[in-house]
Amino acid sequence: MNSQIAELLIDIEAQLRQLGQWDKVPPEASALASNQPFCVDTLRLPQWLQFVFLPTLYAMLEEAQELPQGCGIAPMAEEYFRGTGLFSNELVATLVRVDELLS
């Protein structure tokens, strides 16, 4: 399962880049320190994926830590991208797969 998750994380990064949702500059440390789910009060969802979710899971994989036993990112992504005009179906489908593997 870990190799499947790693492949999906790579896909998420590629899809964020294709959508033009990959930031070159990280947010302020205070924005990353939010205690709200998905840092909704300080980050956009693509930023949270890039600067919180991906690095956290990559670190867990590298350190052979147990991965989360539940995940529900896809519904948040569906809501975030609704009405944006961005073709986000592939990204959402990848996040659905992550949710399935981690749940």
Protein backbone atom coordinates (compact mmCIF):
# COMPACT_ATOMS: atom_id res chain seq x y z
CA MET A 1 0.00 0.00 0.00
CA ASN A 2 2.85 2.43 0.75
CA SER A 3 4.09 2.35 -2.84
CA GLN A 4 0.54 3.02 -4.05
CA ILE A 5 0.25 6.02 -1.73
CA ALA A 6 3.65 7.34 -2.87
CA GLU A 7 2.57 7.11 -6.52
CA LEU A 8 -0.67 8.93 -5.74
CA LEU A 9 1.22 11.71 -3.94
CA ILE A 10 3.38 12.20 -7.04
CA ASP A 11 0.20 12.32 -9.13
CA ILE A 12 -1.35 14.94 -6.82
CA GLU A 13 1.68 17.19 -7.24
CA ALA A 14 1.62 16.78 -11.03
CA GLN A 15 -2.10 17.52 -11.18
CA LEU A 16 -1.78 20.62 -9.00
CA ARG A 17 0.97 21.86 -11.31
CA GLN A 18 -1.15 21.18 -14.41
CA LEU A 19 -4.02 23.12 -12.87
CA GLY A 20 -1.73 26.07 -12.10
CA GLN A 21 -2.35 25.53 -8.40
CA TRP A 22 1.26 24.89 -7.33
CA ASP A 23 2.81 27.79 -5.43
CA LYS A 24 6.47 28.69 -5.83
CA VAL A 25 6.57 30.51 -2.51
CA PRO A 26 5.46 28.81 0.70
CA PRO A 27 2.96 30.57 2.97
CA GLU A 28 4.01 32.21 6.21
CA ALA A 29 4.74 29.86 9.10
CA SER A 30 1.74 31.25 10.96
CA ALA A 31 -0.56 30.13 8.13
CA LEU A 32 0.82 26.60 8.39
CA ALA A 33 0.29 26.58 12.16
CA SER A 34 -3.51 26.75 11.89
CA ASN A 35 -5.39 24.25 14.03
CA GLN A 36 -8.44 24.25 11.75
CA PRO A 37 -9.08 21.22 9.51
CA PHE A 38 -7.33 21.70 6.15
CA CYS A 39 -6.08 25.08 7.51
CA VAL A 40 -9.29 26.52 6.04
CA ASP A 41 -8.78 29.77 7.90
CA THR A 42 -5.30 30.44 6.49
CA LEU A 43 -4.72 28.41 3.28
CA ARG A 44 -6.47 27.54 0.05
CA LEU A 45 -6.97 23.78 -0.39
CA PRO A 46 -4.22 23.46 -3.03
CA GLN A 47 -1.81 25.18 -0.63
CA TRP A 48 -2.80 22.79 2.15
CA LEU A 49 -2.21 19.83 -0.15
CA GLN A 50 1.18 21.19 -1.23
CA PHE A 51 2.54 22.45 2.07
CA VAL A 52 0.86 20.23 4.68
CA PHE A 53 -0.62 17.02 3.27
CA LEU A 54 2.07 15.99 0.78
CA PRO A 55 5.07 16.72 3.03
CA THR A 56 3.42 15.02 6.00
CA LEU A 57 2.64 11.82 4.11
CA TYR A 58 6.03 11.78 2.38
CA ALA A 59 7.72 12.07 5.79
CA MET A 60 5.55 9.31 7.24
CA LEU A 61 6.43 7.03 4.31
CA GLU A 62 10.15 7.80 4.54
CA GLU A 63 10.19 7.17 8.30
CA ALA A 64 8.09 4.00 7.94
CA GLN A 65 5.46 5.45 10.27
CA GLU A 66 1.95 4.10 10.37
CA LEU A 67 -0.23 6.03 7.95
CA PRO A 68 -3.54 7.60 9.02
CA GLN A 69 -6.41 5.16 9.37
CA GLY A 70 -8.95 7.52 7.93
CA CYS A 71 -8.97 10.20 5.27
CA GLY A 72 -11.65 12.33 3.67
CA ILE A 73 -10.02 14.89 1.39
CA ALA A 74 -11.94 14.25 -1.85
CA PRO A 75 -15.23 15.85 -0.72
CA MET A 76 -13.35 18.97 0.35
CA ALA A 77 -11.64 19.10 -3.06
CA GLU A 78 -14.94 18.64 -4.89
CA GLU A 79 -16.41 21.56 -2.99
CA TYR A 80 -13.32 23.74 -3.41
CA PHE A 81 -13.09 23.27 -7.18
CA ARG A 82 -16.84 23.46 -7.87
CA GLY A 83 -17.51 26.44 -10.08
CA THR A 84 -13.84 27.37 -10.58
CA GLY A 85 -13.77 26.33 -14.22
CA LEU A 86 -10.67 24.26 -13.57
CA PHE A 87 -10.66 20.71 -14.92
CA SER A 88 -10.08 19.11 -11.53
CA ASN A 89 -11.77 15.73 -12.12
CA GLU A 90 -8.45 13.88 -12.31
CA LEU A 91 -7.18 15.46 -9.09
CA VAL A 92 -10.42 14.68 -7.27
CA ALA A 93 -10.31 11.08 -8.54
CA THR A 94 -6.76 10.74 -7.22
CA LEU A 95 -7.84 12.11 -3.86
CA VAL A 96 -10.75 9.63 -3.80
CA ARG A 97 -8.20 6.85 -4.28
CA VAL A 98 -6.07 8.23 -1.40
CA ASP A 99 -9.17 8.37 0.79
CA GLU A 100 -9.99 4.74 -0.07
CA LEU A 101 -6.48 3.48 0.65
CA LEU A 102 -6.23 5.29 3.96
CA SER A 103 -9.73 4.43 5.18
